[in-house]
C-alpha atoms as a PDB file:
ATOM      1  CA  MET A   1      81.194 -52.414 -25.612  1.00  0.00           C
ATOM      2  CA  ASP A   2      84.354 -53.925 -27.105  1.00  0.00           C
ATOM      3  CA  VAL A   3      85.587 -56.548 -24.615  1.00  0.00           C
ATOM      4  CA  LYS A   4      89.182 -57.633 -25.232  1.00  0.00           C
ATOM      5  CA  ALA A   5      89.764 -59.815 -22.196  1.00  0.00           C
ATOM      6  CA  LEU A   6      88.080 -61.268 -19.142  1.00  0.00           C
ATOM      7  CA  THR A   7      90.285 -62.035 -16.171  1.00  0.00           C
ATOM      8  CA  PHE A   8      89.531 -63.807 -12.937  1.00  0.00           C
ATOM      9  CA  ASP A   9      91.456 -64.267  -9.715  1.00  0.00           C
ATOM     10  CA  VAL A  10      90.726 -67.891  -8.873  1.00  0.00           C
ATOM     11  CA  PHE A  11      93.665 -68.756  -6.639  1.00  0.00           C
ATOM     12  CA  GLY A  12      92.262 -70.080  -3.381  1.00  0.00           C
ATOM     13  CA  THR A  13      88.761 -70.266  -4.824  1.00  0.00           C
ATOM     14  CA  VAL A  14      89.180 -72.745  -7.646  1.00  0.00           C
ATOM     15  CA  VAL A  15      92.726 -73.881  -6.936  1.00  0.00           C
ATOM     16  CA  ASP A  16      92.940 -76.249  -3.974  1.00  0.00           C
ATOM     17  CA  TRP A  17      96.484 -75.301  -2.954  1.00  0.00           C
ATOM     18  CA  ARG A  18      96.101 -76.572   0.637  1.00  0.00           C
ATOM     19  CA  GLY A  19      94.848 -80.007  -0.387  1.00  0.00           C
ATOM     20  CA  GLY A  20      97.607 -80.405  -2.954  1.00  0.00           C
ATOM     21  CA  ILE A  21     100.369 -79.374  -0.561  1.00  0.00           C
ATOM     22  CA  ALA A  22      98.969 -81.482   2.293  1.00  0.00           C
ATOM     23  CA  ARG A  23      98.589 -84.543   0.064  1.00  0.00           C
ATOM     24  CA  GLU A  24     102.134 -84.341  -1.299  1.00  0.00           C
ATOM     25  CA  ILE A  25     103.858 -83.709   2.031  1.00  0.00           C
ATOM     26  CA  ALA A  26     101.751 -86.447   3.652  1.00  0.00           C
ATOM     27  CA  ALA A  27     103.103 -88.915   1.100  1.00  0.00           C
ATOM     28  CA  LEU A  28     106.674 -87.742   1.713  1.00  0.00           C
ATOM     29  CA  GLY A  29     106.196 -87.814   5.485  1.00  0.00           C
ATOM     30  CA  ALA A  30     104.572 -91.257   5.519  1.00  0.00           C
ATOM     31  CA  ALA A  31     107.471 -92.678   3.502  1.00  0.00           C
ATOM     32  CA  ARG A  32     109.760 -91.440   6.276  1.00  0.00           C
ATOM     33  CA  GLY A  33     107.581 -92.560   9.181  1.00  0.00           C
ATOM     34  CA  PHE A  34     106.080 -89.164  10.105  1.00  0.00           C
ATOM     35  CA  SER A  35     102.480 -88.747  11.142  1.00  0.00           C
ATOM     36  CA  LEU A  36     101.384 -85.117  11.481  1.00  0.00           C
ATOM     37  CA  ASP A  37      98.365 -82.916  10.844  1.00  0.00           C
ATOM     38  CA  TRP A  38      99.360 -82.266   7.227  1.00  0.00           C
ATOM     39  CA  ASN A  39      96.654 -79.643   6.703  1.00  0.00           C
ATOM     40  CA  ALA A  40      98.140 -77.665   9.602  1.00  0.00           C
ATOM     41  CA  VAL A  41     101.599 -78.055   8.088  1.00  0.00           C
ATOM     42  CA  ALA A  42     100.264 -76.720   4.767  1.00  0.00           C
ATOM     43  CA  LEU A  43      98.754 -73.719   6.558  1.00  0.00           C
ATOM     44  CA  ALA A  44     102.034 -73.044   8.380  1.00  0.00           C
ATOM     45  CA  TRP A  45     103.857 -73.248   5.041  1.00  0.00           C
ATOM     46  CA  ARG A  46     101.431 -70.708   3.562  1.00  0.00           C
ATOM     47  CA  ALA A  47     101.777 -68.394   6.584  1.00  0.00           C
ATOM     48  CA  ARG A  48     105.472 -67.996   5.760  1.00  0.00           C
ATOM     49  CA  TYR A  49     104.760 -66.943   2.185  1.00  0.00           C
ATOM     50  CA  GLN A  50     103.603 -63.356   2.748  1.00  0.00           C
ATOM     51  CA  PRO A  51     106.459 -62.306   5.067  1.00  0.00           C
ATOM     52  CA  ALA A  52     109.017 -63.749   2.651  1.00  0.00           C
ATOM     53  CA  ILE A  53     107.458 -61.995  -0.346  1.00  0.00           C
ATOM     54  CA  GLU A  54     107.080 -58.736   1.598  1.00  0.00           C
ATOM     55  CA  ARG A  55     110.875 -58.583   1.903  1.00  0.00           C
ATOM     56  CA  VAL A  56     111.029 -58.501  -1.905  1.00  0.00           C
ATOM     57  CA  ARG A  57     108.146 -56.016  -2.233  1.00  0.00           C
ATOM     58  CA  SER A  58     109.694 -53.621   0.286  1.00  0.00           C
ATOM     59  CA  GLY A  59     113.086 -53.700  -1.407  1.00  0.00           C
ATOM     60  CA  ALA A  60     114.809 -55.351   1.568  1.00  0.00           C
ATOM     61  CA  ARG A  61     115.680 -58.189  -0.794  1.00  0.00           C
ATOM     62  CA  GLY A  62     116.155 -58.095  -4.535  1.00  0.00           C
ATOM     63  CA  PHE A  63     113.967 -59.989  -6.966  1.00  0.00           C
ATOM     64  CA  VAL A  64     114.163 -63.750  -6.614  1.00  0.00           C
ATOM     65  CA  LYS A  65     112.069 -66.597  -7.966  1.00  0.00           C
ATOM     66  CA  LEU A  66     109.232 -67.492  -5.612  1.00  0.00           C
ATOM     67  CA  ASP A  67     110.825 -70.793  -4.622  1.00  0.00           C
ATOM     68  CA  LEU A  68     113.941 -68.933  -3.474  1.00  0.00           C
ATOM     69  CA  ALA A  69     112.059 -66.213  -1.573  1.00  0.00           C
ATOM     70  CA  ARG A  70     111.529 -68.619   1.298  1.00  0.00           C
ATOM     71  CA  THR A  71     115.081 -69.488   2.229  1.00  0.00           C
ATOM     72  CA  ALA A  72     116.126 -72.529   4.252  1.00  0.00           C
ATOM     73  CA  ARG A  73     116.631 -70.238   7.242  1.00  0.00           C
ATOM     74  CA  THR A  74     112.948 -69.255   7.091  1.00  0.00           C
ATOM     75  CA  TRP A  75     111.899 -72.891   7.531  1.00  0.00           C
ATOM     76  CA  THR A  76     114.067 -73.767  10.526  1.00  0.00           C
ATOM     77  CA  ARG A  77     111.326 -72.480  12.859  1.00  0.00           C
ATOM     78  CA  CYS A  78     108.526 -74.693  11.461  1.00  0.00           C
END
């Protein structure tokens, strides 16, 4: 067998996206006097990802960089 590449999907398994997001927004929030459940905020942030990306996948919205896929209007309901 001639193996040319091994690939692994490690996002969410090895990458601690929730901890990183929660830690960074906790620091920002604390500096502004906010005290929230930052893990819940991180989960709410993640919950908005798929619907925003689905608009691109379905063709309802043209290609945009990931950071732009979630527009300011999307976040007004958080």
